[in-house]
Amino acid sequence: MKRDDDLIRDLLFKYEGDADWIALMPGGTSSSTGQEEKEHYHVLLMSDQGLVTSVGPDSFRVTASGHDYINAIRSDTIWRKAKEGAKEIGGATFGILKDLAVAYLKQEAAIKLGLEL
């Protein structure tokens, strides 16, 4: 299964917006739908990257690094630029995509605040 960076972003926003700080793992059972299985796999990928961590056999929470990543990719403009940058270089690792988003966020902050970062 290919990594879907848009799905990872959507899932992080969903978990951030939940009233409870513990989220249940989607899918992972024989009765799971294709979408639930895809989400389950992407939660595992988010765990690999330290964006979420397990707090039980079927539950997890967003980590501090996950919240930092959410803030870096919150702006649709920054997200679009980061994805376009990754595409321009022929694809990117998760780390490079994150670095691009942070770089564009810093650039936007410097412009809006009149600072040199």
PDB file of N, CA and C in Angstrom:
ATOM      1  N   MET A   1       0.860  -1.181   0.000  1.00  0.00           N
ATOM      2  CA  MET A   1       0.000   0.000   0.000  1.00  0.00           C
ATOM      3  C   MET A   1       0.900   1.235   0.000  1.00  0.00           C
ATOM      4  N   LYS A   2       0.553   2.199  -0.832  1.00  0.00           N
ATOM      5  CA  LYS A   2       1.322   3.438  -0.886  1.00  0.00           C
ATOM      6  C   LYS A   2       0.913   4.378   0.245  1.00  0.00           C
ATOM      7  N   ARG A   3       1.891   5.143   0.719  1.00  0.00           N
ATOM      8  CA  ARG A   3       1.607   6.147   1.748  1.00  0.00           C
ATOM      9  C   ARG A   3       0.803   7.278   1.113  1.00  0.00           C
ATOM     10  N   ASP A   4      -0.258   7.674   1.786  1.00  0.00           N
ATOM     11  CA  ASP A   4      -1.129   8.765   1.337  1.00  0.00           C
ATOM     12  C   ASP A   4      -0.957   9.919   2.316  1.00  0.00           C
ATOM     13  N   ASP A   5      -0.124  10.899   1.927  1.00  0.00           N
ATOM     14  CA  ASP A   5       0.177  12.009   2.826  1.00  0.00           C
ATOM     15  C   ASP A   5      -1.046  12.855   3.137  1.00  0.00           C
ATOM     16  N   ASP A   6      -1.970  12.954   2.198  1.00  0.00           N
ATOM     17  CA  ASP A   6      -3.210  13.704   2.459  1.00  0.00           C
ATOM     18  C   ASP A   6      -4.051  12.998   3.522  1.00  0.00           C
ATOM     19  N   LEU A   7      -4.084  11.679   3.477  1.00  0.00           N
ATOM     20  CA  LEU A   7      -4.834  10.926   4.489  1.00  0.00           C
ATOM     21  C   LEU A   7      -4.187  11.106   5.858  1.00  0.00           C
ATOM     22  N   ILE A   8      -2.872  11.058   5.923  1.00  0.00           N
ATOM     23  CA  ILE A   8      -2.186  11.279   7.198  1.00  0.00           C
ATOM     24  C   ILE A   8      -2.556  12.649   7.744  1.00  0.00           C
ATOM     25  N   ARG A   9      -2.538  13.660   6.906  1.00  0.00           N
ATOM     26  CA  ARG A   9      -2.911  15.019   7.340  1.00  0.00           C
ATOM     27  C   ARG A   9      -4.353  15.042   7.844  1.00  0.00           C
ATOM     28  N   ASP A  10      -5.263  14.431   7.076  1.00  0.00           N
ATOM     29  CA  ASP A  10      -6.677  14.403   7.471  1.00  0.00           C
ATOM     30  C   ASP A  10      -6.875  13.683   8.809  1.00  0.00           C
ATOM     31  N   LEU A  11      -6.189  12.553   8.984  1.00  0.00           N
ATOM     32  CA  LEU A  11      -6.325  11.807  10.235  1.00  0.00           C
ATOM     33  C   LEU A  11      -5.793  12.609  11.417  1.00  0.00           C
ATOM     34  N   LEU A  12      -4.661  13.283  11.228  1.00  0.00           N
ATOM     35  CA  LEU A  12      -4.124  14.094  12.320  1.00  0.00           C
ATOM     36  C   LEU A  12      -5.083  15.215  12.704  1.00  0.00           C
ATOM     37  N   PHE A  13      -5.677  15.870  11.723  1.00  0.00           N
ATOM     38  CA  PHE A  13      -6.643  16.931  12.019  1.00  0.00           C
ATOM     39  C   PHE A  13      -7.861  16.353  12.748  1.00  0.00           C
ATOM     40  N   LYS A  14      -8.296  15.159  12.320  1.00  0.00           N
ATOM     41  CA  LYS A  14      -9.442  14.504  12.962  1.00  0.00           C
ATOM     42  C   LYS A  14      -9.127  14.207  14.426  1.00  0.00           C
ATOM     43  N   TYR A  15      -7.963  13.617  14.678  1.00  0.00           N
ATOM     44  CA  TYR A  15      -7.608  13.250  16.052  1.00  0.00           C
ATOM     45  C   TYR A  15      -7.367  14.481  16.914  1.00  0.00           C
ATOM     46  N   GLU A  16      -6.810  15.521  16.330  1.00  0.00           N
ATOM     47  CA  GLU A  16      -6.595  16.761  17.078  1.00  0.00           C
ATOM     48  C   GLU A  16      -7.934  17.368  17.505  1.00  0.00           C
ATOM     49  N   GLY A  17      -8.937  17.266  16.648  1.00  0.00           N
ATOM     50  CA  GLY A  17     -10.233  17.866  16.909  1.00  0.00           C
ATOM     51  C   GLY A  17     -11.139  17.051  17.814  1.00  0.00           C
ATOM     52  N   ASP A  18     -10.778  15.801  18.076  1.00  0.00           N
ATOM     53  CA  ASP A  18     -11.602  14.957  18.954  1.00  0.00           C
ATOM     54  C   ASP A  18     -11.608  15.512  20.376  1.00  0.00           C
ATOM     55  N   ALA A  19     -12.728  15.348  21.052  1.00  0.00           N
ATOM     56  CA  ALA A  19     -12.843  15.821  22.438  1.00  0.00           C
ATOM     57  C   ALA A  19     -11.974  14.995  23.377  1.00  0.00           C
ATOM     58  N   ASP A  20     -11.774  13.721  23.053  1.00  0.00           N
ATOM     59  CA  ASP A  20     -10.984  12.833  23.897  1.00  0.00           C
ATOM     60  C   ASP A  20      -9.546  12.810  23.382  1.00  0.00           C
ATOM     61  N   TRP A  21      -8.581  12.726  24.254  1.00  0.00           N
ATOM     62  CA  TRP A  21      -7.180  12.709  23.831  1.00  0.00           C
ATOM     63  C   TRP A  21      -6.716  11.326  23.413  1.00  0.00           C
ATOM     64  N   ILE A  22      -7.522  10.315  23.676  1.00  0.00           N
ATOM     65  CA  ILE A  22      -7.220   8.953  23.249  1.00  0.00           C
ATOM     66  C   ILE A  22      -8.107   8.623  22.051  1.00  0.00           C
ATOM     67  N   ALA A  23      -7.487   8.132  20.989  1.00  0.00           N
ATOM     68  CA  ALA A  23      -8.229   7.740  19.796  1.00  0.00           C
ATOM     69  C   ALA A  23      -8.167   6.219  19.658  1.00  0.00           C
ATOM     70  N   LEU A  24      -9.227   5.646  19.122  1.00  0.00           N
ATOM     71  CA  LEU A  24      -9.259   4.206  18.878  1.00  0.00           C
ATOM     72  C   LEU A  24      -8.671   3.907  17.509  1.00  0.00           C
ATOM     73  N   MET A  25      -7.935   2.820  17.433  1.00  0.00           N
ATOM     74  CA  MET A  25      -7.310   2.392  16.190  1.00  0.00           C
ATOM     75  C   MET A  25      -8.387   1.976  15.193  1.00  0.00           C
ATOM     76  N   PRO A  26      -8.390   2.554  13.991  1.00  0.00           N
ATOM     77  CA  PRO A  26      -9.375   2.134  12.985  1.00  0.00           C
ATOM     78  C   PRO A  26      -8.991   0.788  12.395  1.00  0.00           C
ATOM     79  N   GLY A  27      -9.980   0.040  11.981  1.00  0.00           N
ATOM     80  CA  GLY A  27      -9.738  -1.214  11.269  1.00  0.00           C
ATOM     81  C   GLY A  27      -8.986  -2.249  12.078  1.00  0.00           C
ATOM     82  N   GLY A  28      -8.277  -3.103  11.346  1.00  0.00           N
ATOM     83  CA  GLY A  28      -7.473  -4.135  11.986  1.00  0.00           C
ATOM     84  C   GLY A  28      -8.216  -5.407  12.319  1.00  0.00           C
ATOM     85  N   THR A  29      -9.476  -5.517  11.877  1.00  0.00           N
ATOM     86  CA  THR A  29     -10.240  -6.735  12.135  1.00  0.00           C
ATOM     87  C   THR A  29     -10.685  -7.335  10.814  1.00  0.00           C
ATOM     88  N   SER A  30     -11.153  -8.567  10.868  1.00  0.00           N
ATOM     89  CA  SER A  30     -11.589  -9.245   9.642  1.00  0.00           C
ATOM     90  C   SER A  30     -12.837  -8.595   9.048  1.00  0.00           C
ATOM     91  N   SER A  31     -13.587  -7.846   9.845  1.00  0.00           N
ATOM     92  CA  SER A  31     -14.797  -7.201   9.330  1.00  0.00           C
ATOM     93  C   SER A  31     -14.554  -5.747   8.922  1.00  0.00           C
ATOM     94  N   SER A  32     -13.310  -5.295   8.941  1.00  0.00           N
ATOM     95  CA  SER A  32     -12.994  -3.909   8.600  1.00  0.00           C
ATOM     96  C   SER A  32     -13.211  -3.652   7.114  1.00  0.00           C
ATOM     97  N   THR A  33     -13.602  -2.419   6.814  1.00  0.00           N
ATOM     98  CA  THR A  33     -13.759  -2.024   5.423  1.00  0.00           C
ATOM     99  C   THR A  33     -12.390  -1.685   4.841  1.00  0.00           C
ATOM    100  N   GLY A  34     -12.324  -1.547   3.528  1.00  0.00           N
ATOM    101  CA  GLY A  34     -11.079  -1.171   2.876  1.00  0.00           C
ATOM    102  C   GLY A  34     -10.549   0.156   3.385  1.00  0.00           C
ATOM    103  N   GLN A  35     -11.445   1.119   3.599  1.00  0.00           N
ATOM    104  CA  GLN A  35     -11.029   2.433   4.102  1.00  0.00           C
ATOM    105  C   GLN A  35     -10.494   2.323   5.526  1.00  0.00           C
ATOM    106  N   GLU A  36     -11.134   1.513   6.348  1.00  0.00           N
ATOM    107  CA  GLU A  36     -10.656   1.320   7.729  1.00  0.00           C
ATOM    108  C   GLU A  36      -9.273   0.675   7.743  1.00  0.00           C
ATOM    109  N   GLU A  37      -9.051  -0.269   6.858  1.00  0.00           N
ATOM    110  CA  GLU A  37      -7.739  -0.917   6.771  1.00  0.00           C
ATOM    111  C   GLU A  37      -6.680   0.091   6.325  1.00  0.00           C
ATOM    112  N   LYS A  38      -7.049   0.945   5.364  1.00  0.00           N
ATOM    113  CA  LYS A  38      -6.122   1.973   4.891  1.00  0.00           C
ATOM    114  C   LYS A  38      -5.782   2.939   6.029  1.00  0.00           C
ATOM    115  N   GLU A  39      -6.789   3.341   6.793  1.00  0.00           N
ATOM    116  CA  GLU A  39      -6.555   4.239   7.927  1.00  0.00           C
ATOM    117  C   GLU A  39      -5.697   3.554   8.987  1.00  0.00           C
ATOM    118  N   HIS A  40      -5.968   2.287   9.237  1.00  0.00           N
ATOM    119  CA  HIS A  40      -5.188   1.526  10.220  1.00  0.00           C
ATOM    120  C   HIS A  40      -3.713   1.530   9.811  1.00  0.00           C
ATOM    121  N   TYR A  41      -3.440   1.223   8.571  1.00  0.00           N
ATOM    122  CA  TYR A  41      -2.068   1.204   8.065  1.00  0.00           C
ATOM    123  C   TYR A  41      -1.412   2.574   8.216  1.00  0.00           C
ATOM    124  N   HIS A  42      -2.164   3.630   7.942  1.00  0.00           N
ATOM    125  CA  HIS A  42      -1.587   4.975   8.015  1.00  0.00           C
ATOM    126  C   HIS A  42      -1.364   5.426   9.468  1.00  0.00           C
ATOM    127  N   VAL A  43      -2.179   4.940  10.393  1.00  0.00           N
ATOM    128  CA  VAL A  43      -1.905   5.212  11.812  1.00  0.00           C
ATOM    129  C   VAL A  43      -0.593   4.518  12.201  1.00  0.00           C
ATOM    130  N   LEU A  44      -0.361   3.319  11.690  1.00  0.00           N
ATOM    131  CA  LEU A  44       0.907   2.635  11.963  1.00  0.00           C
ATOM    132  C   LEU A  44       2.082   3.431  11.379  1.00  0.00           C
ATOM    133  N   LEU A  45       1.906   3.981  10.188  1.00  0.00           N
ATOM    134  CA  LEU A  45       2.948   4.827   9.598  1.00  0.00           C
ATOM    135  C   LEU A  45       3.180   6.076  10.449  1.00  0.00           C
ATOM    136  N   MET A  46       2.091   6.667  10.951  1.00  0.00           N
ATOM    137  CA  MET A  46       2.237   7.846  11.816  1.00  0.00           C
ATOM    138  C   MET A  46       2.991   7.473  13.090  1.00  0.00           C
ATOM    139  N   SER A  47       2.741   6.270  13.603  1.00  0.00           N
ATOM    140  CA  SER A  47       3.463   5.796  14.781  1.00  0.00           C
ATOM    141  C   SER A  47       4.943   5.628  14.450  1.00  0.00           C
ATOM    142  N   ASP A  48       5.245   5.071  13.275  1.00  0.00           N
ATOM    143  CA  ASP A  48       6.640   4.915  12.847  1.00  0.00           C
ATOM    144  C   ASP A  48       7.375   6.249  12.859  1.00  0.00           C
ATOM    145  N   GLN A  49       6.672   7.324  12.515  1.00  0.00           N
ATOM    146  CA  GLN A  49       7.275   8.657  12.424  1.00  0.00           C
ATOM    147  C   GLN A  49       7.200   9.436  13.733  1.00  0.00           C
ATOM    148  N   GLY A  50       6.610   8.837  14.767  1.00  0.00           N
ATOM    149  CA  GLY A  50       6.533   9.500  16.063  1.00  0.00           C
ATOM    150  C   GLY A  50       5.429  10.542  16.168  1.00  0.00           C
ATOM    151  N   LEU A  51       4.468  10.505  15.250  1.00  0.00           N
ATOM    152  CA  LEU A  51       3.357  11.460  15.282  1.00  0.00           C
ATOM    153  C   LEU A  51       2.281  11.032  16.271  1.00  0.00           C
ATOM    154  N   VAL A  52       2.149   9.727  16.459  1.00  0.00           N
ATOM    155  CA  VAL A  52       1.220   9.170  17.445  1.00  0.00           C
ATOM    156  C   VAL A  52       1.957   8.084  18.208  1.00  0.00           C
ATOM    157  N   THR A  53       1.436   7.754  19.383  1.00  0.00           N
ATOM    158  CA  THR A  53       2.017   6.665  20.174  1.00  0.00           C
ATOM    159  C   THR A  53       0.898   5.850  20.790  1.00  0.00           C
ATOM    160  N   SER A  54       1.161   4.585  20.956  1.00  0.00           N
ATOM    161  CA  SER A  54       0.176   3.666  21.519  1.00  0.00           C
ATOM    162  C   SER A  54      -0.005   3.933  23.008  1.00  0.00           C
ATOM    163  N   VAL A  55      -1.265   3.902  23.450  1.00  0.00           N
ATOM    164  CA  VAL A  55      -1.570   4.007  24.882  1.00  0.00           C
ATOM    165  C   VAL A  55      -2.382   2.804  25.344  1.00  0.00           C
ATOM    166  N   GLY A  56      -2.483   1.813  24.489  1.00  0.00           N
ATOM    167  CA  GLY A  56      -3.218   0.589  24.782  1.00  0.00           C
ATOM    168  C   GLY A  56      -3.216  -0.279  23.547  1.00  0.00           C
ATOM    169  N   PRO A  57      -3.782  -1.468  23.640  1.00  0.00           N
ATOM    170  CA  PRO A  57      -3.739  -2.376  22.495  1.00  0.00           C
ATOM    171  C   PRO A  57      -4.457  -1.838  21.253  1.00  0.00           C
ATOM    172  N   ASP A  58      -5.491  -1.073  21.432  1.00  0.00           N
ATOM    173  CA  ASP A  58      -6.245  -0.562  20.287  1.00  0.00           C
ATOM    174  C   ASP A  58      -6.461   0.945  20.362  1.00  0.00           C
ATOM    175  N   SER A  59      -5.566   1.656  21.050  1.00  0.00           N
ATOM    176  CA  SER A  59      -5.745   3.098  21.189  1.00  0.00           C
ATOM    177  C   SER A  59      -4.388   3.796  21.135  1.00  0.00           C
ATOM    178  N   PHE A  60      -4.434   5.075  20.817  1.00  0.00           N
ATOM    179  CA  PHE A  60      -3.226   5.865  20.680  1.00  0.00           C
ATOM    180  C   PHE A  60      -3.552   7.323  20.959  1.00  0.00           C
ATOM    181  N   ARG A  61      -2.504   8.139  21.038  1.00  0.00           N
ATOM    182  CA  ARG A  61      -2.672   9.576  21.201  1.00  0.00           C
ATOM    183  C   ARG A  61      -1.689  10.283  20.284  1.00  0.00           C
ATOM    184  N   VAL A  62      -1.993  11.533  19.966  1.00  0.00           N
ATOM    185  CA  VAL A  62      -1.083  12.358  19.173  1.00  0.00           C
ATOM    186  C   VAL A  62       0.050  12.809  20.102  1.00  0.00           C
ATOM    187  N   THR A  63       1.278  12.709  19.625  1.00  0.00           N
ATOM    188  CA  THR A  63       2.455  13.108  20.411  1.00  0.00           C
ATOM    189  C   THR A  63       2.718  14.609  20.252  1.00  0.00           C
ATOM    190  N   ALA A  64       3.664  15.116  21.034  1.00  0.00           N
ATOM    191  CA  ALA A  64       4.072  16.517  20.889  1.00  0.00           C
ATOM    192  C   ALA A  64       4.615  16.754  19.478  1.00  0.00           C
ATOM    193  N   SER A  65       5.380  15.808  18.955  1.00  0.00           N
ATOM    194  CA  SER A  65       5.884  15.932  17.575  1.00  0.00           C
ATOM    195  C   SER A  65       4.734  15.930  16.574  1.00  0.00           C
ATOM    196  N   GLY A  66       3.715  15.139  16.872  1.00  0.00           N
ATOM    197  CA  GLY A  66       2.534  15.117  16.010  1.00  0.00           C
ATOM    198  C   GLY A  66       1.832  16.465  15.992  1.00  0.00           C
ATOM    199  N   HIS A  67       1.717  17.081  17.164  1.00  0.00           N
ATOM    200  CA  HIS A  67       1.091  18.405  17.233  1.00  0.00           C
ATOM    201  C   HIS A  67       1.939  19.447  16.497  1.00  0.00           C
ATOM    202  N   ASP A  68       3.263  19.343  16.616  1.00  0.00           N
ATOM    203  CA  ASP A  68       4.140  20.260  15.879  1.00  0.00           C
ATOM    204  C   ASP A  68       3.942  20.094  14.371  1.00  0.00           C
ATOM    205  N   TYR A  69       3.846  18.844  13.919  1.00  0.00           N
ATOM    206  CA  TYR A  69       3.629  18.593  12.489  1.00  0.00           C
ATOM    207  C   TYR A  69       2.273  19.141  12.047  1.00  0.00           C
ATOM    208  N   ILE A  70       1.249  18.936  12.866  1.00  0.00           N
ATOM    209  CA  ILE A  70      -0.075  19.482  12.546  1.00  0.00           C
ATOM    210  C   ILE A  70       0.015  20.993  12.343  1.00  0.00           C
ATOM    211  N   ASN A  71       0.710  21.679  13.246  1.00  0.00           N
ATOM    212  CA  ASN A  71       0.835  23.129  13.126  1.00  0.00           C
ATOM    213  C   ASN A  71       1.616  23.531  11.884  1.00  0.00           C
ATOM    214  N   ALA A  72       2.601  22.732  11.496  1.00  0.00           N
ATOM    215  CA  ALA A  72       3.388  23.039  10.307  1.00  0.00           C
ATOM    216  C   ALA A  72       2.568  22.880   9.031  1.00  0.00           C
ATOM    217  N   ILE A  73       1.617  21.948   9.020  1.00  0.00           N
ATOM    218  CA  ILE A  73       0.852  21.664   7.800  1.00  0.00           C
ATOM    219  C   ILE A  73      -0.584  22.168   7.854  1.00  0.00           C
ATOM    220  N   ARG A  74      -0.911  22.945   8.869  1.00  0.00           N
ATOM    221  CA  ARG A  74      -2.294  23.410   9.030  1.00  0.00           C
ATOM    222  C   ARG A  74      -2.767  24.262   7.846  1.00  0.00           C
ATOM    223  N   SER A  75      -1.935  25.174   7.389  1.00  0.00           N
ATOM    224  CA  SER A  75      -2.290  26.055   6.284  1.00  0.00           C
ATOM    225  C   SER A  75      -2.374  25.258   4.978  1.00  0.00           C
ATOM    226  N   ASP A  76      -3.496  25.390   4.284  1.00  0.00           N
ATOM    227  CA  ASP A  76      -3.639  24.718   2.987  1.00  0.00           C
ATOM    228  C   ASP A  76      -2.567  25.193   2.006  1.00  0.00           C
ATOM    229  N   THR A  77      -2.203  26.470   2.082  1.00  0.00           N
ATOM    230  CA  THR A  77      -1.189  27.019   1.179  1.00  0.00           C
ATOM    231  C   THR A  77       0.170  26.373   1.441  1.00  0.00           C
ATOM    232  N   ILE A  78       0.554  26.290   2.697  1.00  0.00           N
ATOM    233  CA  ILE A  78       1.834  25.673   3.042  1.00  0.00           C
ATOM    234  C   ILE A  78       1.822  24.193   2.663  1.00  0.00           C
ATOM    235  N   TRP A  79       0.726  23.517   2.926  1.00  0.00           N
ATOM    236  CA  TRP A  79       0.616  22.103   2.585  1.00  0.00           C
ATOM    237  C   TRP A  79       0.767  21.897   1.088  1.00  0.00           C
ATOM    238  N   ARG A  80       0.098  22.732   0.308  1.00  0.00           N
ATOM    239  CA  ARG A  80       0.187  22.631  -1.152  1.00  0.00           C
ATOM    240  C   ARG A  80       1.625  22.858  -1.618  1.00  0.00           C
ATOM    241  N   LYS A  81       2.273  23.894  -1.080  1.00  0.00           N
ATOM    242  CA  LYS A  81       3.652  24.191  -1.468  1.00  0.00           C
ATOM    243  C   LYS A  81       4.597  23.041  -1.109  1.00  0.00           C
ATOM    244  N   ALA A  82       4.429  22.471   0.065  1.00  0.00           N
ATOM    245  CA  ALA A  82       5.285  21.360   0.490  1.00  0.00           C
ATOM    246  C   ALA A  82       5.109  20.158  -0.431  1.00  0.00           C
ATOM    247  N   LYS A  83       3.861  19.844  -0.776  1.00  0.00           N
ATOM    248  CA  LYS A  83       3.612  18.718  -1.674  1.00  0.00           C
ATOM    249  C   LYS A  83       4.152  19.002  -3.072  1.00  0.00           C
ATOM    250  N   GLU A  84       3.985  20.246  -3.541  1.00  0.00           N
ATOM    251  CA  GLU A  84       4.521  20.611  -4.857  1.00  0.00           C
ATOM    252  C   GLU A  84       6.043  20.531  -4.864  1.00  0.00           C
ATOM    253  N   GLY A  85       6.671  20.962  -3.770  1.00  0.00           N
ATOM    254  CA  GLY A  85       8.122  20.861  -3.662  1.00  0.00           C
ATOM    255  C   GLY A  85       8.579  19.414  -3.705  1.00  0.00           C
ATOM    256  N   ALA A  86       7.875  18.558  -2.994  1.00  0.00           N
ATOM    257  CA  ALA A  86       8.209  17.131  -2.999  1.00  0.00           C
ATOM    258  C   ALA A  86       8.049  16.543  -4.394  1.00  0.00           C
ATOM    259  N   LYS A  87       6.996  16.947  -5.071  1.00  0.00           N
ATOM    260  CA  LYS A  87       6.749  16.447  -6.427  1.00  0.00           C
ATOM    261  C   LYS A  87       7.834  16.936  -7.384  1.00  0.00           C
ATOM    262  N   GLU A  88       8.254  18.174  -7.212  1.00  0.00           N
ATOM    263  CA  GLU A  88       9.269  18.768  -8.088  1.00  0.00           C
ATOM    264  C   GLU A  88      10.601  18.023  -7.990  1.00  0.00           C
ATOM    265  N   ILE A  89      10.915  17.488  -6.810  1.00  0.00           N
ATOM    266  CA  ILE A  89      12.165  16.754  -6.661  1.00  0.00           C
ATOM    267  C   ILE A  89      11.983  15.254  -6.890  1.00  0.00           C
ATOM    268  N   GLY A  90      10.804  14.880  -7.373  1.00  0.00           N
ATOM    269  CA  GLY A  90      10.560  13.486  -7.731  1.00  0.00           C
ATOM    270  C   GLY A  90      10.084  12.617  -6.598  1.00  0.00           C
ATOM    271  N   GLY A  91       9.510  13.230  -5.576  1.00  0.00           N
ATOM    272  CA  GLY A  91       9.027  12.488  -4.415  1.00  0.00           C
ATOM    273  C   GLY A  91       9.895  12.811  -3.222  1.00  0.00           C
ATOM    274  N   ALA A  92       9.410  12.480  -2.059  1.00  0.00           N
ATOM    275  CA  ALA A  92      10.158  12.823  -0.856  1.00  0.00           C
ATOM    276  C   ALA A  92       9.842  11.861   0.270  1.00  0.00           C
ATOM    277  N   THR A  93      10.798  11.712   1.153  1.00  0.00           N
ATOM    278  CA  THR A  93      10.556  10.966   2.369  1.00  0.00           C
ATOM    279  C   THR A  93       9.634  11.791   3.256  1.00  0.00           C
ATOM    280  N   PHE A  94       9.112  11.158   4.291  1.00  0.00           N
ATOM    281  CA  PHE A  94       8.277  11.897   5.234  1.00  0.00           C
ATOM    282  C   PHE A  94       9.071  13.047   5.841  1.00  0.00           C
ATOM    283  N   GLY A  95      10.324  12.783   6.210  1.00  0.00           N
ATOM    284  CA  GLY A  95      11.165  13.808   6.831  1.00  0.00           C
ATOM    285  C   GLY A  95      11.373  15.020   5.940  1.00  0.00           C
ATOM    286  N   ILE A  96      11.582  14.783   4.651  1.00  0.00           N
ATOM    287  CA  ILE A  96      11.758  15.907   3.723  1.00  0.00           C
ATOM    288  C   ILE A  96      10.458  16.677   3.571  1.00  0.00           C
ATOM    289  N   LEU A  97       9.331  15.979   3.468  1.00  0.00           N
ATOM    290  CA  LEU A  97       8.040  16.654   3.364  1.00  0.00           C
ATOM    291  C   LEU A  97       7.805  17.534   4.589  1.00  0.00           C
ATOM    292  N   LYS A  98       8.122  17.003   5.765  1.00  0.00           N
ATOM    293  CA  LYS A  98       7.979  17.774   7.006  1.00  0.00           C
ATOM    294  C   LYS A  98       8.914  18.985   6.989  1.00  0.00           C
ATOM    295  N   ASP A  99      10.152  18.785   6.573  1.00  0.00           N
ATOM    296  CA  ASP A  99      11.113  19.888   6.509  1.00  0.00           C
ATOM    297  C   ASP A  99      10.659  20.974   5.537  1.00  0.00           C
ATOM    298  N   LEU A 100      10.099  20.562   4.403  1.00  0.00           N
ATOM    299  CA  LEU A 100       9.581  21.546   3.445  1.00  0.00           C
ATOM    300  C   LEU A 100       8.450  22.355   4.067  1.00  0.00           C
ATOM    301  N   ALA A 101       7.531  21.675   4.748  1.00  0.00           N
ATOM    302  CA  ALA A 101       6.412  22.380   5.386  1.00  0.00           C
ATOM    303  C   ALA A 101       6.915  23.370   6.430  1.00  0.00           C
ATOM    304  N   VAL A 102       7.871  22.946   7.245  1.00  0.00           N
ATOM    305  CA  VAL A 102       8.422  23.837   8.276  1.00  0.00           C
ATOM    306  C   VAL A 102       9.134  25.017   7.623  1.00  0.00           C
ATOM    307  N   ALA A 103       9.873  24.770   6.539  1.00  0.00           N
ATOM    308  CA  ALA A 103      10.573  25.855   5.839  1.00  0.00           C
ATOM    309  C   ALA A 103       9.585  26.873   5.282  1.00  0.00           C
ATOM    310  N   TYR A 104       8.498  26.389   4.677  1.00  0.00           N
ATOM    311  CA  TYR A 104       7.483  27.315   4.153  1.00  0.00           C
ATOM    312  C   TYR A 104       6.772  28.061   5.275  1.00  0.00           C
ATOM    313  N   LEU A 105       6.556  27.395   6.406  1.00  0.00           N
ATOM    314  CA  LEU A 105       5.941  28.060   7.559  1.00  0.00           C
ATOM    315  C   LEU A 105       6.860  29.163   8.080  1.00  0.00           C
ATOM    316  N   LYS A 106       8.156  28.884   8.185  1.00  0.00           N
ATOM    317  CA  LYS A 106       9.111  29.901   8.619  1.00  0.00           C
ATOM    318  C   LYS A 106       9.155  31.065   7.639  1.00  0.00           C
ATOM    319  N   GLN A 107       9.120  30.745   6.352  1.00  0.00           N
ATOM    320  CA  GLN A 107       9.130  31.787   5.329  1.00  0.00           C
ATOM    321  C   GLN A 107       7.896  32.679   5.462  1.00  0.00           C
ATOM    322  N   GLU A 108       6.738  32.076   5.662  1.00  0.00           N
ATOM    323  CA  GLU A 108       5.503  32.837   5.824  1.00  0.00           C
ATOM    324  C   GLU A 108       5.550  33.696   7.089  1.00  0.00           C
ATOM    325  N   ALA A 109       6.078  33.136   8.173  1.00  0.00           N
ATOM    326  CA  ALA A 109       6.199  33.885   9.431  1.00  0.00           C
ATOM    327  C   ALA A 109       7.132  35.078   9.249  1.00  0.00           C
ATOM    328  N   ALA A 110       8.246  34.874   8.558  1.00  0.00           N
ATOM    329  CA  ALA A 110       9.207  35.960   8.341  1.00  0.00           C
ATOM    330  C   ALA A 110       8.577  37.094   7.545  1.00  0.00           C
ATOM    331  N   ILE A 111       7.819  36.752   6.528  1.00  0.00           N
ATOM    332  CA  ILE A 111       7.163  37.764   5.693  1.00  0.00           C
ATOM    333  C   ILE A 111       6.113  38.518   6.501  1.00  0.00           C
ATOM    334  N   LYS A 112       5.252  37.782   7.189  1.00  0.00           N
ATOM    335  CA  LYS A 112       4.158  38.414   7.927  1.00  0.00           C
ATOM    336  C   LYS A 112       4.642  39.244   9.111  1.00  0.00           C
ATOM    337  N   LEU A 113       5.743  38.825   9.728  1.00  0.00           N
ATOM    338  CA  LEU A 113       6.234  39.521  10.917  1.00  0.00           C
ATOM    339  C   LEU A 113       7.397  40.464  10.624  1.00  0.00           C
ATOM    340  N   GLY A 114       7.839  40.481   9.366  1.00  0.00           N
ATOM    341  CA  GLY A 114       8.939  41.361   8.992  1.00  0.00           C
ATOM    342  C   GLY A 114      10.255  40.975   9.644  1.00  0.00           C
ATOM    343  N   LEU A 115      10.476  39.682   9.788  1.00  0.00           N
ATOM    344  CA  LEU A 115      11.684  39.180  10.442  1.00  0.00           C
ATOM    345  C   LEU A 115      12.572  38.452   9.448  1.00  0.00           C
ATOM    346  N   GLU A 116      13.840  38.351   9.813  1.00  0.00           N
ATOM    347  CA  GLU A 116      14.750  37.485   9.071  1.00  0.00           C
ATOM    348  C   GLU A 116      15.009  36.260   9.927  1.00  0.00           C
ATOM    349  N   LEU A 117      14.596  35.107   9.432  1.00  0.00           N
ATOM    350  CA  LEU A 117      14.798  33.862  10.195  1.00  0.00           C
ATOM    351  C   LEU A 117      15.896  33.042   9.564  1.00  0.00           C
TER     352      LEU A 117
END
